[in-house]
Amino acid sequence: MAENPELKLRKAQPSDAQEIWEILQQAIEKRRFDGSLQWQDGYPNPETVKNDIEKGAGFVLKNGLQTVAYSALIFNDEPAYSSIDGKWLSDGDFLVIHRVAVSEEFRGKGVIKEMFRLFEEYALQNNVFSIKVDTNFDNTPMLAILEKLGYTYCGKVYVRSGERMAFEKILKK
């Protein structure tokens, strides 16, 4: 995957919260418009963003000064992943990707691929060689991205609002 030097990943700051929430609201509406049940239950919300930032888990993808995407990246801490209806590829340290959202203006422009490349780089910089992610069964854009980027379907996990499809990718050193 070709690197895009214009896009930079950095930890979100409290000053980013409003812009992040606007991007998440666009993603929530897109999920609704696509007929998905994901994110239609009041989550994520501004409190989620605030908590992500306070915990150092919120990340923004910037194109110059403009925020183009958001995600939460969490090391080894996803209680729902301790019980999977299936089997993870690995049992060691892992990076969890949650709440991936891209600004309407940048959808369909390869932003997600670059974002995931930067997530992999971030994991490797922290000596972590596994990335785990889950998504709703009806989130076809994310399912297509995960397949295209080499993530392996591992089974089902259960989170707040029900069953999710769980994926893992083992990174090479």
Protein backbone atom coordinates (compact mmCIF):
# COMPACT_ATOMS: atom_id res chain seq x y z
CA MET A 1 0.00 0.00 0.00
CA ALA A 2 1.46 3.34 -1.04
CA GLU A 3 2.17 5.83 1.68
CA ASN A 4 0.40 9.20 1.57
CA PRO A 5 2.76 11.78 3.13
CA GLU A 6 -0.06 14.34 3.30
CA LEU A 7 -1.93 12.31 5.92
CA LYS A 8 -0.59 12.25 9.48
CA LEU A 9 -1.90 10.31 12.46
CA ARG A 10 -1.67 11.91 15.89
CA LYS A 11 -3.23 11.59 19.32
CA ALA A 12 -6.40 13.63 19.64
CA GLN A 13 -6.39 16.65 21.93
CA PRO A 14 -9.36 18.14 23.82
CA SER A 15 -9.42 20.92 21.20
CA ASP A 16 -10.18 18.25 18.54
CA ALA A 17 -13.32 16.97 20.30
CA GLN A 18 -15.90 19.06 18.41
CA GLU A 19 -14.43 18.24 15.00
CA ILE A 20 -14.24 14.54 15.95
CA TRP A 21 -17.87 14.55 17.06
CA GLU A 22 -18.93 16.14 13.74
CA ILE A 23 -17.13 13.36 11.82
CA LEU A 24 -18.71 10.70 14.04
CA GLN A 25 -22.18 12.22 13.49
CA GLN A 26 -21.61 12.00 9.72
CA ALA A 27 -20.60 8.33 10.11
CA ILE A 28 -23.61 7.58 12.32
CA GLU A 29 -25.91 9.10 9.68
CA LYS A 30 -24.12 7.16 6.90
CA ARG A 31 -24.64 3.88 8.82
CA ARG A 32 -28.35 4.76 9.23
CA PHE A 33 -28.70 5.72 5.55
CA ASP A 34 -27.08 2.41 4.53
CA GLY A 35 -29.64 0.55 6.65
CA SER A 36 -27.12 -0.56 9.26
CA LEU A 37 -28.03 -1.05 12.90
CA GLN A 38 -24.49 -0.16 13.99
CA TRP A 39 -24.18 3.10 15.92
CA GLN A 40 -27.95 3.70 15.99
CA ASP A 41 -28.32 3.40 19.77
CA GLY A 42 -26.79 6.64 21.08
CA TYR A 43 -23.23 5.33 20.85
CA PRO A 44 -20.73 6.71 20.13
CA ASN A 45 -21.49 10.10 21.65
CA PRO A 46 -19.59 13.20 22.83
CA GLU A 47 -18.83 11.48 26.16
CA THR A 48 -17.22 8.59 24.25
CA VAL A 49 -14.96 11.06 22.44
CA LYS A 50 -14.07 12.83 25.70
CA ASN A 51 -13.19 9.50 27.35
CA ASP A 52 -11.09 8.38 24.36
CA ILE A 53 -9.10 11.62 24.48
CA GLU A 54 -8.65 11.53 28.26
CA LYS A 55 -7.35 7.93 28.09
CA GLY A 56 -4.96 8.79 25.24
CA ALA A 57 -6.81 6.39 22.93
CA GLY A 58 -8.35 8.91 20.53
CA PHE A 59 -6.48 9.47 17.25
CA VAL A 60 -7.11 11.90 14.43
CA LEU A 61 -5.92 11.62 10.86
CA LYS A 62 -4.95 15.05 9.61
CA ASN A 63 -4.52 16.40 6.10
CA GLY A 64 -2.62 19.56 6.95
CA LEU A 65 -4.82 21.36 9.47
CA GLN A 66 -7.97 19.49 8.49
CA THR A 67 -9.17 16.46 10.45
CA VAL A 68 -10.25 13.84 7.92
CA ALA A 69 -10.83 10.79 10.12
CA TYR A 70 -11.02 9.53 13.69
CA SER A 71 -10.46 6.27 15.52
CA ALA A 72 -9.72 4.94 18.98
CA LEU A 73 -6.64 2.73 19.38
CA ILE A 74 -6.38 0.71 22.56
CA PHE A 75 -3.67 -1.73 23.61
CA ASN A 76 -4.78 -5.06 25.17
CA ASP A 77 -7.96 -3.72 26.70
CA GLU A 78 -11.18 -4.96 25.19
CA PRO A 79 -13.15 -7.12 27.65
CA ALA A 80 -15.48 -8.37 24.89
CA TYR A 81 -12.49 -9.96 23.16
CA SER A 82 -11.73 -12.31 26.07
CA SER A 83 -14.67 -14.47 24.99
CA ILE A 84 -14.99 -15.22 21.29
CA ASP A 85 -17.29 -17.62 19.53
CA GLY A 86 -14.41 -18.81 17.35
CA LYS A 87 -10.65 -18.43 17.83
CA TRP A 88 -8.22 -15.53 17.64
CA LEU A 89 -5.06 -16.05 15.56
CA SER A 90 -2.84 -15.10 18.52
CA ASP A 91 -2.90 -14.81 22.31
CA GLY A 92 -0.27 -12.09 22.84
CA ASP A 93 -0.40 -8.32 22.98
CA PHE A 94 -2.74 -6.64 20.52
CA LEU A 95 -3.96 -3.27 19.33
CA VAL A 96 -7.73 -2.80 19.17
CA ILE A 97 -9.24 -0.47 16.57
CA HIS A 98 -12.59 1.09 17.49
CA ARG A 99 -14.82 3.90 16.20
CA VAL A 100 -13.37 4.35 12.70
CA ALA A 101 -15.04 7.34 11.04
CA VAL A 102 -14.08 9.35 7.95
CA SER A 103 -15.26 12.84 7.07
CA GLU A 104 -17.89 12.89 4.30
CA GLU A 105 -15.57 15.05 2.24
CA PHE A 106 -12.88 12.36 2.22
CA ARG A 107 -14.94 9.18 1.78
CA GLY A 108 -13.88 6.99 -1.11
CA LYS A 109 -10.44 8.63 -1.40
CA GLY A 110 -8.28 5.89 0.13
CA VAL A 111 -8.20 7.52 3.57
CA ILE A 112 -9.17 4.33 5.41
CA LYS A 113 -6.44 2.28 3.73
CA GLU A 114 -3.84 4.87 4.70
CA MET A 115 -5.27 5.11 8.20
CA PHE A 116 -5.02 1.34 8.69
CA ARG A 117 -1.44 1.41 7.32
CA LEU A 118 -0.60 4.02 9.96
CA PHE A 119 -2.34 1.91 12.64
CA GLU A 120 -0.09 -1.00 11.68
CA GLU A 121 2.96 1.27 11.85
CA TYR A 122 1.85 2.49 15.30
CA ALA A 123 1.41 -1.09 16.55
CA LEU A 124 4.86 -2.09 15.30
CA GLN A 125 6.45 1.01 16.89
CA ASN A 126 5.03 -0.30 20.17
CA ASN A 127 6.30 -3.86 19.53
CA VAL A 128 2.78 -5.19 19.05
CA PHE A 129 2.25 -7.60 16.18
CA SER A 130 -1.50 -8.19 16.27
CA ILE A 131 -4.39 -5.89 15.43
CA LYS A 132 -7.94 -6.88 16.39
CA VAL A 133 -11.11 -5.18 15.26
CA ASP A 134 -14.83 -5.92 15.22
CA THR A 135 -17.70 -4.60 13.19
CA ASN A 136 -21.39 -5.14 12.71
CA PHE A 137 -22.49 -7.86 10.28
CA ASP A 138 -24.23 -5.20 8.17
CA ASN A 139 -21.32 -2.75 7.92
CA THR A 140 -20.44 -3.83 4.38
CA PRO A 141 -17.94 -1.00 3.69
CA MET A 142 -15.83 -1.96 6.75
CA LEU A 143 -16.15 -5.68 5.99
CA ALA A 144 -14.83 -5.02 2.47
CA ILE A 145 -11.92 -2.94 3.81
CA LEU A 146 -10.93 -5.60 6.34
CA GLU A 147 -10.97 -8.27 3.64
CA LYS A 148 -8.97 -6.11 1.23
CA LEU A 149 -6.36 -5.32 3.90
CA GLY A 150 -5.78 -8.95 4.85
CA TYR A 151 -7.69 -9.23 8.12
CA THR A 152 -8.83 -12.75 9.02
CA TYR A 153 -12.34 -13.43 10.29
CA CYS A 154 -11.94 -15.13 13.68
CA GLY A 155 -15.52 -15.44 14.97
CA LYS A 156 -18.13 -13.48 16.87
CA VAL A 157 -17.77 -11.31 19.93
CA TYR A 158 -20.53 -9.72 21.96
CA VAL A 159 -20.47 -6.01 22.80
CA ARG A 160 -23.01 -3.56 24.28
CA SER A 161 -25.53 -3.78 21.51
CA GLY A 162 -25.05 -7.36 20.41
CA GLU A 163 -23.07 -9.63 18.17
CA ARG A 164 -20.09 -8.39 16.14
CA MET A 165 -17.84 -10.02 13.58
CA ALA A 166 -14.26 -10.13 14.91
CA PHE A 167 -11.10 -9.94 12.80
CA GLU A 168 -7.37 -10.10 13.43
CA LYS A 169 -4.27 -9.37 11.43
CA ILE A 170 -0.81 -10.57 12.38
CA LEU A 171 1.85 -8.02 11.47
CA LYS A 172 5.33 -8.85 10.23
CA LYS A 173 8.34 -7.33 11.98
